[in-house]
Amino acid sequence: MEAMRLGRDAVGFDINELALFISEVKTTPLTKNDRDRLRQWADEVPSIINLHESVDWDEEREAAGYFRNLEVHGAWRHRKAIQQVLDSILLLPRPAMREFARCALLRTAQIALDGTRVPPPISVFRSKLQSNIVDMIDDLEDLEVELSALDRKGEVTLVKRPAQEANIAGVFGERKPNLILTSPPYPGVHVLYHRWQIGGRRETPAPYWIANKLDGDGERYYTLGHRHEKGLATYFDNLKASFEAIAKISGPETIIVQMVAFSQPEWQLEKYLSTLEEAGLREVQADTDDRLWRDVPNRRWHALNQSKHSSSKELVLIHRRA
């Protein structure tokens, strides 16, 4: 989105269907008629969500486990409300509108369910969904005003590929990116990219149900390797392959910026930097005192109880091709 606002071309790579879904919705313009109909749909939300009404569940999704742990801590009410909203979304006339509505529902459901001790009342969920729809439409309209003032509109390309295949995606041609921005999985740190946690540690793949996407992979697929593996050999092997591919698409002026945290920085940071060197990259910062650290924003309540943990700090690294 920032590239669009600057009139620059952008390419996004990810292996997670959710990341691609959200990025596509946020970068897809809607017509005025689409926006007006979505505002009307937001007004209809109070009548759409009615826990006294029966619903027809997606039996295939249920059999595949997409509703797992949506019965605990009162979440069954939200599961029913989500299904009612999804049924209503199917009645919207255009695919782009339906995807936008799913994204608003996904955002609302995550706030309500992911990492919360107890989900909020359905009345709060209902009103939050309405406000999210309106806020997202307003943001999209603001973006379109900005884009209309540009001399050149940037082109956005989204690719479902791992970083290891960035150099064969065929989307760059002879061009070299000016900036590569990434945040690789943190070595040894437990981060769920494909699950929500209900009431703390009870995982659910429900976001894929809401987004109408498939989730067929485990945690290691999204994190480059198992965090409990001794020495994290698989993680660092995959990290090297990823940045070797990034080095191949980079030019001598390409800036590579990343944010990463470590469970045990006393040995992982040195190993991480040496792996990037082996991949053909050199760090721009000459003095380690110049490195930028920051507190990880939006920490979950159970992570705040461990605020002294090393992974509560993120490091900003800047590299170029060696």
C-alpha atoms as a PDB file:
ATOM      1  CA  MET A   1       0.000   0.000   0.000  1.00  0.00           C
ATOM      2  CA  GLU A   2       2.833   2.396   0.770  1.00  0.00           C
ATOM      3  CA  ALA A   3       4.314   1.659  -2.645  1.00  0.00           C
ATOM      4  CA  MET A   4       0.939   2.438  -4.253  1.00  0.00           C
ATOM      5  CA  ARG A   5       0.754   5.756  -2.400  1.00  0.00           C
ATOM      6  CA  LEU A   6       4.201   6.652  -3.783  1.00  0.00           C
ATOM      7  CA  GLY A   7       3.346   5.593  -7.326  1.00  0.00           C
ATOM      8  CA  ARG A   8       5.891   2.773  -7.192  1.00  0.00           C
ATOM      9  CA  ASP A   9       5.639  -0.792  -8.437  1.00  0.00           C
ATOM     10  CA  ALA A  10       5.564  -3.480  -5.758  1.00  0.00           C
ATOM     11  CA  VAL A  11       5.797  -7.268  -5.644  1.00  0.00           C
ATOM     12  CA  GLY A  12       4.645  -9.208  -2.587  1.00  0.00           C
ATOM     13  CA  PHE A  13       5.731 -12.794  -1.897  1.00  0.00           C
ATOM     14  CA  ASP A  14       4.173 -15.052   0.712  1.00  0.00           C
ATOM     15  CA  ILE A  15       3.326 -18.718   1.250  1.00  0.00           C
ATOM     16  CA  ASN A  16       0.432 -17.961   3.572  1.00  0.00           C
ATOM     17  CA  GLU A  17      -2.969 -17.744   1.878  1.00  0.00           C
ATOM     18  CA  LEU A  18      -4.160 -15.345   4.589  1.00  0.00           C
ATOM     19  CA  ALA A  19      -1.389 -12.833   3.941  1.00  0.00           C
ATOM     20  CA  LEU A  20      -2.106 -12.849   0.216  1.00  0.00           C
ATOM     21  CA  PHE A  21      -5.865 -12.566   0.811  1.00  0.00           C
ATOM     22  CA  ILE A  22      -5.524  -9.505   3.061  1.00  0.00           C
ATOM     23  CA  SER A  23      -2.982  -7.843   0.765  1.00  0.00           C
ATOM     24  CA  GLU A  24      -5.188  -8.340  -2.272  1.00  0.00           C
ATOM     25  CA  VAL A  25      -8.241  -6.853  -0.556  1.00  0.00           C
ATOM     26  CA  LYS A  26      -6.300  -3.815   0.692  1.00  0.00           C
ATOM     27  CA  THR A  27      -4.867  -3.063  -2.766  1.00  0.00           C
ATOM     28  CA  THR A  28      -8.040  -3.672  -4.822  1.00  0.00           C
ATOM     29  CA  PRO A  29     -10.121  -0.551  -5.569  1.00  0.00           C
ATOM     30  CA  LEU A  30     -13.911  -0.637  -5.353  1.00  0.00           C
ATOM     31  CA  THR A  31     -16.375   1.403  -7.392  1.00  0.00           C
ATOM     32  CA  LYS A  32     -18.595   3.972  -5.700  1.00  0.00           C
ATOM     33  CA  ASN A  33     -21.575   1.665  -6.200  1.00  0.00           C
ATOM     34  CA  ASP A  34     -19.648  -1.149  -4.496  1.00  0.00           C
ATOM     35  CA  ARG A  35     -18.789   1.075  -1.557  1.00  0.00           C
ATOM     36  CA  ASP A  36     -22.348   2.345  -1.208  1.00  0.00           C
ATOM     37  CA  ARG A  37     -23.712  -1.208  -1.221  1.00  0.00           C
ATOM     38  CA  LEU A  38     -21.171  -2.263   1.436  1.00  0.00           C
ATOM     39  CA  ARG A  39     -22.203   0.661   3.643  1.00  0.00           C
ATOM     40  CA  GLN A  40     -25.791  -0.499   3.267  1.00  0.00           C
ATOM     41  CA  TRP A  41     -24.702  -4.025   4.154  1.00  0.00           C
ATOM     42  CA  ALA A  42     -23.038  -2.688   7.301  1.00  0.00           C
ATOM     43  CA  ASP A  43     -26.379  -1.167   8.317  1.00  0.00           C
ATOM     44  CA  GLU A  44     -27.946  -4.610   7.899  1.00  0.00           C
ATOM     45  CA  VAL A  45     -25.498  -6.360  10.278  1.00  0.00           C
ATOM     46  CA  PRO A  46     -27.781  -6.079  13.379  1.00  0.00           C
ATOM     47  CA  SER A  47     -30.472  -8.077  11.591  1.00  0.00           C
ATOM     48  CA  ILE A  48     -27.987 -10.524  10.048  1.00  0.00           C
ATOM     49  CA  ILE A  49     -26.555 -11.666  13.407  1.00  0.00           C
ATOM     50  CA  ASN A  50     -29.337 -13.350  15.363  1.00  0.00           C
ATOM     51  CA  LEU A  51     -28.340 -16.173  17.719  1.00  0.00           C
ATOM     52  CA  HIS A  52     -31.958 -17.364  17.898  1.00  0.00           C
ATOM     53  CA  GLU A  53     -31.838 -18.275  14.214  1.00  0.00           C
ATOM     54  CA  SER A  54     -30.549 -21.678  13.074  1.00  0.00           C
ATOM     55  CA  VAL A  55     -27.623 -21.995  10.671  1.00  0.00           C
ATOM     56  CA  ASP A  56     -26.358 -24.555   8.173  1.00  0.00           C
ATOM     57  CA  TRP A  57     -22.719 -25.413   8.877  1.00  0.00           C
ATOM     58  CA  ASP A  58     -20.154 -26.175   6.208  1.00  0.00           C
ATOM     59  CA  GLU A  59     -19.825 -29.912   6.822  1.00  0.00           C
ATOM     60  CA  GLU A  60     -16.590 -30.247   4.841  1.00  0.00           C
ATOM     61  CA  ARG A  61     -14.916 -27.472   6.809  1.00  0.00           C
ATOM     62  CA  GLU A  62     -16.186 -28.938  10.061  1.00  0.00           C
ATOM     63  CA  ALA A  63     -14.875 -32.401   9.177  1.00  0.00           C
ATOM     64  CA  ALA A  64     -11.496 -30.871   8.287  1.00  0.00           C
ATOM     65  CA  GLY A  65     -11.212 -29.268  11.731  1.00  0.00           C
ATOM     66  CA  TYR A  66     -11.635 -25.602  10.785  1.00  0.00           C
ATOM     67  CA  PHE A  67     -14.023 -25.060  13.727  1.00  0.00           C
ATOM     68  CA  ARG A  68     -11.681 -26.585  16.271  1.00  0.00           C
ATOM     69  CA  ASN A  69     -11.863 -24.978  19.739  1.00  0.00           C
ATOM     70  CA  LEU A  70     -14.623 -22.566  18.723  1.00  0.00           C
ATOM     71  CA  GLU A  71     -16.815 -23.921  21.499  1.00  0.00           C
ATOM     72  CA  VAL A  72     -14.649 -22.929  24.467  1.00  0.00           C
ATOM     73  CA  HIS A  73     -14.930 -19.766  26.584  1.00  0.00           C
ATOM     74  CA  GLY A  74     -18.198 -18.775  24.940  1.00  0.00           C
ATOM     75  CA  ALA A  75     -16.741 -18.688  21.436  1.00  0.00           C
ATOM     76  CA  TRP A  76     -19.612 -20.833  20.103  1.00  0.00           C
ATOM     77  CA  ARG A  77     -21.727 -17.664  19.942  1.00  0.00           C
ATOM     78  CA  HIS A  78     -19.162 -15.989  17.731  1.00  0.00           C
ATOM     79  CA  ARG A  79     -18.890 -19.082  15.567  1.00  0.00           C
ATOM     80  CA  LYS A  80     -22.626 -18.887  14.909  1.00  0.00           C
ATOM     81  CA  ALA A  81     -22.512 -15.149  14.285  1.00  0.00           C
ATOM     82  CA  ILE A  82     -19.608 -15.596  11.857  1.00  0.00           C
ATOM     83  CA  GLN A  83     -21.522 -18.245   9.907  1.00  0.00           C
ATOM     84  CA  GLN A  84     -24.547 -15.953   9.641  1.00  0.00           C
ATOM     85  CA  VAL A  85     -22.382 -13.128   8.323  1.00  0.00           C
ATOM     86  CA  LEU A  86     -20.670 -15.456   5.835  1.00  0.00           C
ATOM     87  CA  ASP A  87     -24.072 -16.575   4.534  1.00  0.00           C
ATOM     88  CA  SER A  88     -25.003 -12.931   4.050  1.00  0.00           C
ATOM     89  CA  ILE A  89     -21.717 -12.179   2.268  1.00  0.00           C
ATOM     90  CA  LEU A  90     -22.547 -14.756  -0.395  1.00  0.00           C
ATOM     91  CA  LEU A  91     -25.504 -12.566  -1.415  1.00  0.00           C
ATOM     92  CA  LEU A  92     -23.301  -9.579  -2.281  1.00  0.00           C
ATOM     93  CA  PRO A  93     -23.247  -9.161  -6.082  1.00  0.00           C
ATOM     94  CA  ARG A  94     -19.526  -8.893  -6.938  1.00  0.00           C
ATOM     95  CA  PRO A  95     -16.470 -10.980  -5.955  1.00  0.00           C
ATOM     96  CA  ALA A  96     -14.434  -7.912  -4.899  1.00  0.00           C
ATOM     97  CA  MET A  97     -17.229  -6.859  -2.542  1.00  0.00           C
ATOM     98  CA  ARG A  98     -17.465 -10.325  -1.044  1.00  0.00           C
ATOM     99  CA  GLU A  99     -13.714 -10.477  -0.459  1.00  0.00           C
ATOM    100  CA  PHE A 100     -13.786  -7.035   1.157  1.00  0.00           C
ATOM    101  CA  ALA A 101     -16.618  -8.114   3.471  1.00  0.00           C
ATOM    102  CA  ARG A 102     -14.762 -11.304   4.410  1.00  0.00           C
ATOM    103  CA  CYS A 103     -11.701  -9.229   5.274  1.00  0.00           C
ATOM    104  CA  ALA A 104     -13.755  -6.957   7.541  1.00  0.00           C
ATOM    105  CA  LEU A 105     -15.228 -10.027   9.231  1.00  0.00           C
ATOM    106  CA  LEU A 106     -11.766 -11.570   9.579  1.00  0.00           C
ATOM    107  CA  ARG A 107     -10.465  -8.417  11.252  1.00  0.00           C
ATOM    108  CA  THR A 108     -13.420  -8.296  13.640  1.00  0.00           C
ATOM    109  CA  ALA A 109     -13.249 -11.969  14.546  1.00  0.00           C
ATOM    110  CA  GLN A 110      -9.518 -11.802  15.221  1.00  0.00           C
ATOM    111  CA  ILE A 111      -9.975  -8.909  17.637  1.00  0.00           C
ATOM    112  CA  ALA A 112     -12.744 -10.841  19.382  1.00  0.00           C
ATOM    113  CA  LEU A 113     -11.162 -14.298  19.553  1.00  0.00           C
ATOM    114  CA  ASP A 114      -7.416 -14.327  18.991  1.00  0.00           C
ATOM    115  CA  GLY A 115      -5.419 -14.215  22.205  1.00  0.00           C
ATOM    116  CA  THR A 116      -8.303 -12.981  24.362  1.00  0.00           C
ATOM    117  CA  ARG A 117      -9.131 -14.540  27.706  1.00  0.00           C
ATOM    118  CA  VAL A 118     -12.892 -14.299  27.147  1.00  0.00           C
ATOM    119  CA  PRO A 119     -14.565 -13.177  23.897  1.00  0.00           C
ATOM    120  CA  PRO A 120     -16.611  -9.963  24.077  1.00  0.00           C
ATOM    121  CA  PRO A 121     -20.428 -10.046  24.045  1.00  0.00           C
ATOM    122  CA  ILE A 122     -22.094 -10.535  20.674  1.00  0.00           C
ATOM    123  CA  SER A 123     -23.477  -6.999  20.874  1.00  0.00           C
ATOM    124  CA  VAL A 124     -19.894  -5.691  20.932  1.00  0.00           C
ATOM    125  CA  PHE A 125     -18.909  -8.022  18.097  1.00  0.00           C
ATOM    126  CA  ARG A 126     -21.854  -6.805  16.043  1.00  0.00           C
ATOM    127  CA  SER A 127     -21.113  -3.119  16.506  1.00  0.00           C
ATOM    128  CA  LYS A 128     -17.369  -3.653  15.951  1.00  0.00           C
ATOM    129  CA  LEU A 129     -18.065  -5.377  12.637  1.00  0.00           C
ATOM    130  CA  GLN A 130     -20.160  -2.419  11.533  1.00  0.00           C
ATOM    131  CA  SER A 131     -17.500   0.115  12.484  1.00  0.00           C
ATOM    132  CA  ASN A 132     -14.727  -1.944  10.846  1.00  0.00           C
ATOM    133  CA  ILE A 133     -16.634  -2.077   7.560  1.00  0.00           C
ATOM    134  CA  VAL A 134     -17.170   1.687   7.569  1.00  0.00           C
ATOM    135  CA  ASP A 135     -13.582   2.446   8.639  1.00  0.00           C
ATOM    136  CA  MET A 136     -12.148   0.190   5.940  1.00  0.00           C
ATOM    137  CA  ILE A 137     -14.317   1.824   3.265  1.00  0.00           C
ATOM    138  CA  ASP A 138     -13.227   5.269   4.462  1.00  0.00           C
ATOM    139  CA  ASP A 139      -9.582   4.192   4.311  1.00  0.00           C
ATOM    140  CA  LEU A 140     -10.048   2.837   0.797  1.00  0.00           C
ATOM    141  CA  GLU A 141     -11.646   6.081  -0.329  1.00  0.00           C
ATOM    142  CA  ASP A 142      -8.785   8.087   1.188  1.00  0.00           C
ATOM    143  CA  LEU A 143      -6.321   5.883  -0.679  1.00  0.00           C
ATOM    144  CA  GLU A 144      -8.142   6.415  -3.962  1.00  0.00           C
ATOM    145  CA  VAL A 145      -8.009  10.194  -3.465  1.00  0.00           C
ATOM    146  CA  GLU A 146      -4.247   9.962  -2.954  1.00  0.00           C
ATOM    147  CA  LEU A 147      -3.817   7.753  -6.013  1.00  0.00           C
ATOM    148  CA  SER A 148      -5.869  10.084  -8.209  1.00  0.00           C
ATOM    149  CA  ALA A 149      -3.339  12.865  -7.554  1.00  0.00           C
ATOM    150  CA  LEU A 150      -0.372  10.808  -8.785  1.00  0.00           C
ATOM    151  CA  ASP A 151       1.218  11.266 -12.178  1.00  0.00           C
ATOM    152  CA  ARG A 152       1.922   7.546 -12.319  1.00  0.00           C
ATOM    153  CA  LYS A 153       0.109   4.694 -10.586  1.00  0.00           C
ATOM    154  CA  GLY A 154       2.256   1.848  -9.321  1.00  0.00           C
ATOM    155  CA  GLU A 155       1.519  -1.728 -10.249  1.00  0.00           C
ATOM    156  CA  VAL A 156       1.054  -4.295  -7.462  1.00  0.00           C
ATOM    157  CA  THR A 157       1.796  -7.979  -8.039  1.00  0.00           C
ATOM    158  CA  LEU A 158       1.097 -10.634  -5.410  1.00  0.00           C
ATOM    159  CA  VAL A 159       2.771 -14.033  -5.719  1.00  0.00           C
ATOM    160  CA  LYS A 160       2.169 -17.206  -3.704  1.00  0.00           C
ATOM    161  CA  ARG A 161       5.736 -18.478  -3.555  1.00  0.00           C
ATOM    162  CA  PRO A 162       8.361 -18.991  -0.869  1.00  0.00           C
ATOM    163  CA  ALA A 163      11.262 -16.548  -0.792  1.00  0.00           C
ATOM    164  CA  GLN A 164      13.545 -19.333  -2.041  1.00  0.00           C
ATOM    165  CA  GLU A 165      11.767 -19.046  -5.409  1.00  0.00           C
ATOM    166  CA  ALA A 166      11.816 -15.262  -5.674  1.00  0.00           C
ATOM    167  CA  ASN A 167      14.441 -15.367  -8.440  1.00  0.00           C
ATOM    168  CA  ILE A 168      12.348 -17.627 -10.703  1.00  0.00           C
ATOM    169  CA  ALA A 169       8.966 -15.993 -10.274  1.00  0.00           C
ATOM    170  CA  GLY A 170       9.311 -14.148 -13.579  1.00  0.00           C
ATOM    171  CA  VAL A 171       7.819 -10.907 -12.249  1.00  0.00           C
ATOM    172  CA  PHE A 172      10.940  -8.728 -12.283  1.00  0.00           C
ATOM    173  CA  GLY A 173      12.340  -9.276 -15.756  1.00  0.00           C
ATOM    174  CA  GLU A 174      15.565  -7.302 -16.031  1.00  0.00           C
ATOM    175  CA  ARG A 175      14.529  -4.855 -13.317  1.00  0.00           C
ATOM    176  CA  LYS A 176      16.069  -4.821  -9.855  1.00  0.00           C
ATOM    177  CA  PRO A 177      14.069  -3.735  -6.811  1.00  0.00           C
ATOM    178  CA  ASN A 178      15.196  -0.588  -5.014  1.00  0.00           C
ATOM    179  CA  LEU A 179      13.965  -1.822  -1.648  1.00  0.00           C
ATOM    180  CA  ILE A 180      13.302  -5.275  -0.218  1.00  0.00           C
ATOM    181  CA  LEU A 181      11.444  -5.245   3.092  1.00  0.00           C
ATOM    182  CA  THR A 182      10.925  -8.461   5.031  1.00  0.00           C
ATOM    183  CA  SER A 183      10.500  -9.908   8.501  1.00  0.00           C
ATOM    184  CA  PRO A 184      11.610 -13.554   8.461  1.00  0.00           C
ATOM    185  CA  PRO A 185      10.319 -16.029  11.050  1.00  0.00           C
ATOM    186  CA  TYR A 186      12.142 -15.494  14.333  1.00  0.00           C
ATOM    187  CA  PRO A 187      14.585 -18.303  15.194  1.00  0.00           C
ATOM    188  CA  GLY A 188      13.438 -20.313  18.188  1.00  0.00           C
ATOM    189  CA  VAL A 189      10.425 -18.051  18.834  1.00  0.00           C
ATOM    190  CA  HIS A 190       6.892 -19.423  18.960  1.00  0.00           C
ATOM    191  CA  VAL A 191       4.835 -17.338  16.524  1.00  0.00           C
ATOM    192  CA  LEU A 192       1.637 -18.632  14.932  1.00  0.00           C
ATOM    193  CA  TYR A 193       1.194 -17.401  11.376  1.00  0.00           C
ATOM    194  CA  HIS A 194      -1.647 -19.783  10.570  1.00  0.00           C
ATOM    195  CA  ARG A 195      -3.691 -20.148  13.754  1.00  0.00           C
ATOM    196  CA  TRP A 196      -5.645 -18.120  16.261  1.00  0.00           C
ATOM    197  CA  GLN A 197      -5.443 -18.925  19.940  1.00  0.00           C
ATOM    198  CA  ILE A 198      -8.760 -19.176  21.764  1.00  0.00           C
ATOM    199  CA  GLY A 199      -8.642 -18.435  25.476  1.00  0.00           C
ATOM    200  CA  GLY A 200      -4.856 -18.565  25.471  1.00  0.00           C
ATOM    201  CA  ARG A 201      -3.276 -21.681  23.936  1.00  0.00           C
ATOM    202  CA  ARG A 202      -6.164 -23.452  22.186  1.00  0.00           C
ATOM    203  CA  GLU A 203      -5.405 -23.184  18.494  1.00  0.00           C
ATOM    204  CA  THR A 204      -7.941 -22.897  15.695  1.00  0.00           C
ATOM    205  CA  PRO A 205      -7.589 -22.585  11.897  1.00  0.00           C
ATOM    206  CA  ALA A 206     -10.860 -20.607  11.778  1.00  0.00           C
ATOM    207  CA  PRO A 207      -9.368 -17.602   9.903  1.00  0.00           C
ATOM    208  CA  TYR A 208      -9.036 -19.786   6.788  1.00  0.00           C
ATOM    209  CA  TRP A 209     -12.723 -20.667   7.047  1.00  0.00           C
ATOM    210  CA  ILE A 210     -13.624 -16.978   7.211  1.00  0.00           C
ATOM    211  CA  ALA A 211     -11.330 -16.036   4.301  1.00  0.00           C
ATOM    212  CA  ASN A 212     -12.483 -19.053   2.264  1.00  0.00           C
ATOM    213  CA  LYS A 213      -8.918 -20.316   1.950  1.00  0.00           C
ATOM    214  CA  LEU A 214      -7.241 -23.645   2.636  1.00  0.00           C
ATOM    215  CA  ASP A 215      -4.741 -24.329   5.389  1.00  0.00           C
ATOM    216  CA  GLY A 216      -2.967 -27.607   4.851  1.00  0.00           C
ATOM    217  CA  ASP A 217       0.374 -26.970   6.493  1.00  0.00           C
ATOM    218  CA  GLY A 218       1.802 -27.083   9.998  1.00  0.00           C
ATOM    219  CA  GLU A 219       3.778 -24.568  12.019  1.00  0.00           C
ATOM    220  CA  ARG A 220       7.179 -25.622  10.654  1.00  0.00           C
ATOM    221  CA  TYR A 221       6.080 -24.836   7.102  1.00  0.00           C
ATOM    222  CA  TYR A 222       5.607 -21.164   8.025  1.00  0.00           C
ATOM    223  CA  THR A 223       8.575 -20.806  10.400  1.00  0.00           C
ATOM    224  CA  LEU A 224      11.432 -22.337   8.324  1.00  0.00           C
ATOM    225  CA  GLY A 225      11.897 -25.144  10.854  1.00  0.00           C
ATOM    226  CA  HIS A 226      10.935 -26.473  14.265  1.00  0.00           C
ATOM    227  CA  ARG A 227      11.859 -24.082  17.059  1.00  0.00           C
ATOM    228  CA  HIS A 228      12.913 -26.948  19.377  1.00  0.00           C
ATOM    229  CA  GLU A 229      15.439 -28.475  16.956  1.00  0.00           C
ATOM    230  CA  LYS A 230      18.918 -28.485  18.466  1.00  0.00           C
ATOM    231  CA  GLY A 231      21.007 -25.770  16.837  1.00  0.00           C
ATOM    232  CA  LEU A 232      18.070 -24.832  14.556  1.00  0.00           C
ATOM    233  CA  ALA A 233      19.916 -26.375  11.598  1.00  0.00           C
ATOM    234  CA  THR A 234      16.806 -26.636   9.408  1.00  0.00           C
ATOM    235  CA  TYR A 235      15.868 -23.038  10.135  1.00  0.00           C
ATOM    236  CA  PHE A 236      19.274 -21.664   9.157  1.00  0.00           C
ATOM    237  CA  ASP A 237      19.485 -23.871   6.047  1.00  0.00           C
ATOM    238  CA  ASN A 238      16.145 -22.510   4.847  1.00  0.00           C
ATOM    239  CA  LEU A 239      17.137 -18.980   5.837  1.00  0.00           C
ATOM    240  CA  LYS A 240      20.281 -19.229   3.714  1.00  0.00           C
ATOM    241  CA  ALA A 241      18.331 -20.525   0.712  1.00  0.00           C
ATOM    242  CA  SER A 242      15.822 -17.688   1.086  1.00  0.00           C
ATOM    243  CA  PHE A 243      18.419 -14.936   1.179  1.00  0.00           C
ATOM    244  CA  GLU A 244      20.456 -16.509  -1.621  1.00  0.00           C
ATOM    245  CA  ALA A 245      17.359 -16.075  -3.780  1.00  0.00           C
ATOM    246  CA  ILE A 246      16.922 -12.516  -2.528  1.00  0.00           C
ATOM    247  CA  ALA A 247      20.563 -11.745  -3.353  1.00  0.00           C
ATOM    248  CA  LYS A 248      20.014 -12.981  -6.934  1.00  0.00           C
ATOM    249  CA  ILE A 249      17.167 -10.563  -7.604  1.00  0.00           C
ATOM    250  CA  SER A 250      19.016  -7.670  -5.929  1.00  0.00           C
ATOM    251  CA  GLY A 251      21.124  -5.085  -7.690  1.00  0.00           C
ATOM    252  CA  PRO A 252      24.178  -3.314  -6.253  1.00  0.00           C
ATOM    253  CA  GLU A 253      21.952  -0.432  -5.056  1.00  0.00           C
ATOM    254  CA  THR A 254      19.155  -2.566  -3.610  1.00  0.00           C
ATOM    255  CA  ILE A 255      18.570  -1.979   0.097  1.00  0.00           C
ATOM    256  CA  ILE A 256      17.403  -5.035   2.065  1.00  0.00           C
ATOM    257  CA  VAL A 257      15.684  -4.153   5.349  1.00  0.00           C
ATOM    258  CA  GLN A 258      14.393  -6.724   7.805  1.00  0.00           C
ATOM    259  CA  MET A 259      13.093  -6.973  11.342  1.00  0.00           C
ATOM    260  CA  VAL A 260      13.865 -10.074  13.358  1.00  0.00           C
ATOM    261  CA  ALA A 261      13.819 -11.185  17.011  1.00  0.00           C
ATOM    262  CA  PHE A 262      15.688 -14.014  18.730  1.00  0.00           C
ATOM    263  CA  SER A 263      14.873 -16.413  21.528  1.00  0.00           C
ATOM    264  CA  GLN A 264      18.575 -16.631  22.447  1.00  0.00           C
ATOM    265  CA  PRO A 265      20.361 -13.666  20.825  1.00  0.00           C
ATOM    266  CA  GLU A 266      23.645 -14.449  22.575  1.00  0.00           C
ATOM    267  CA  TRP A 267      24.356 -17.110  19.925  1.00  0.00           C
ATOM    268  CA  GLN A 268      21.538 -16.797  17.361  1.00  0.00           C
ATOM    269  CA  LEU A 269      22.383 -13.250  16.243  1.00  0.00           C
ATOM    270  CA  GLU A 270      25.940 -14.148  15.271  1.00  0.00           C
ATOM    271  CA  LYS A 271      24.742 -17.300  13.507  1.00  0.00           C
ATOM    272  CA  TYR A 272      22.020 -15.314  11.743  1.00  0.00           C
ATOM    273  CA  LEU A 273      24.442 -12.684  10.441  1.00  0.00           C
ATOM    274  CA  SER A 274      26.982 -15.258   9.294  1.00  0.00           C
ATOM    275  CA  THR A 275      24.212 -17.103   7.423  1.00  0.00           C
ATOM    276  CA  LEU A 276      23.344 -13.908   5.555  1.00  0.00           C
ATOM    277  CA  GLU A 277      27.008 -13.444   4.660  1.00  0.00           C
ATOM    278  CA  GLU A 278      27.100 -16.984   3.283  1.00  0.00           C
ATOM    279  CA  ALA A 279      23.999 -16.100   1.253  1.00  0.00           C
ATOM    280  CA  GLY A 280      25.887 -13.224  -0.405  1.00  0.00           C
ATOM    281  CA  LEU A 281      24.795 -10.231   1.668  1.00  0.00           C
ATOM    282  CA  ARG A 282      26.783  -7.707   3.697  1.00  0.00           C
ATOM    283  CA  GLU A 283      25.501  -5.674   6.618  1.00  0.00           C
ATOM    284  CA  VAL A 284      25.413  -1.913   6.040  1.00  0.00           C
ATOM    285  CA  GLN A 285      25.928  -0.984   9.702  1.00  0.00           C
ATOM    286  CA  ALA A 286      29.646  -0.942  10.372  1.00  0.00           C
ATOM    287  CA  ASP A 287      29.293  -0.472  14.114  1.00  0.00           C
ATOM    288  CA  THR A 288      27.126  -2.870  16.101  1.00  0.00           C
ATOM    289  CA  ASP A 289      26.227   0.029  18.403  1.00  0.00           C
ATOM    290  CA  ASP A 290      24.391   1.602  15.450  1.00  0.00           C
ATOM    291  CA  ARG A 291      21.952  -1.272  15.209  1.00  0.00           C
ATOM    292  CA  LEU A 292      18.311  -0.432  15.834  1.00  0.00           C
ATOM    293  CA  TRP A 293      16.333  -2.352  18.450  1.00  0.00           C
ATOM    294  CA  ARG A 294      12.705  -1.781  19.330  1.00  0.00           C
ATOM    295  CA  ASP A 295      10.039  -3.252  21.581  1.00  0.00           C
ATOM    296  CA  VAL A 296       7.732  -5.635  19.732  1.00  0.00           C
ATOM    297  CA  PRO A 297       4.389  -3.794  19.374  1.00  0.00           C
ATOM    298  CA  ASN A 298       0.944  -5.237  20.127  1.00  0.00           C
ATOM    299  CA  ARG A 299       2.180  -7.982  22.428  1.00  0.00           C
ATOM    300  CA  ARG A 300      -0.503 -10.446  23.517  1.00  0.00           C
ATOM    301  CA  TRP A 301      -1.572 -10.569  27.141  1.00  0.00           C
ATOM    302  CA  HIS A 302       0.165 -13.885  27.821  1.00  0.00           C
ATOM    303  CA  ALA A 303       3.377 -12.597  26.196  1.00  0.00           C
ATOM    304  CA  LEU A 304       3.337  -9.431  28.300  1.00  0.00           C
ATOM    305  CA  ASN A 305       3.706 -11.632  31.373  1.00  0.00           C
ATOM    306  CA  GLN A 306       7.115 -12.597  29.946  1.00  0.00           C
ATOM    307  CA  SER A 307       8.149  -9.098  28.902  1.00  0.00           C
ATOM    308  CA  LYS A 308      11.769  -9.676  29.937  1.00  0.00           C
ATOM    309  CA  HIS A 309      12.080 -12.466  27.383  1.00  0.00           C
ATOM    310  CA  SER A 310      14.607 -11.830  24.599  1.00  0.00           C
ATOM    311  CA  SER A 311      11.950 -12.136  21.889  1.00  0.00           C
ATOM    312  CA  SER A 312      10.202  -9.008  23.192  1.00  0.00           C
ATOM    313  CA  LYS A 313      12.846  -6.993  21.283  1.00  0.00           C
ATOM    314  CA  GLU A 314      13.114  -6.753  17.502  1.00  0.00           C
ATOM    315  CA  LEU A 315      16.294  -5.898  15.610  1.00  0.00           C
ATOM    316  CA  VAL A 316      16.266  -3.853  12.408  1.00  0.00           C
ATOM    317  CA  LEU A 317      18.948  -5.071   9.998  1.00  0.00           C
ATOM    318  CA  ILE A 318      20.034  -3.372   6.773  1.00  0.00           C
ATOM    319  CA  HIS A 319      21.967  -5.265   4.106  1.00  0.00           C
ATOM    320  CA  ARG A 320      23.107  -5.000   0.505  1.00  0.00           C
ATOM    321  CA  ARG A 321      24.339  -7.591  -1.931  1.00  0.00           C
ATOM    322  CA  ALA A 322      27.991  -8.356  -1.288  1.00  0.00           C
END
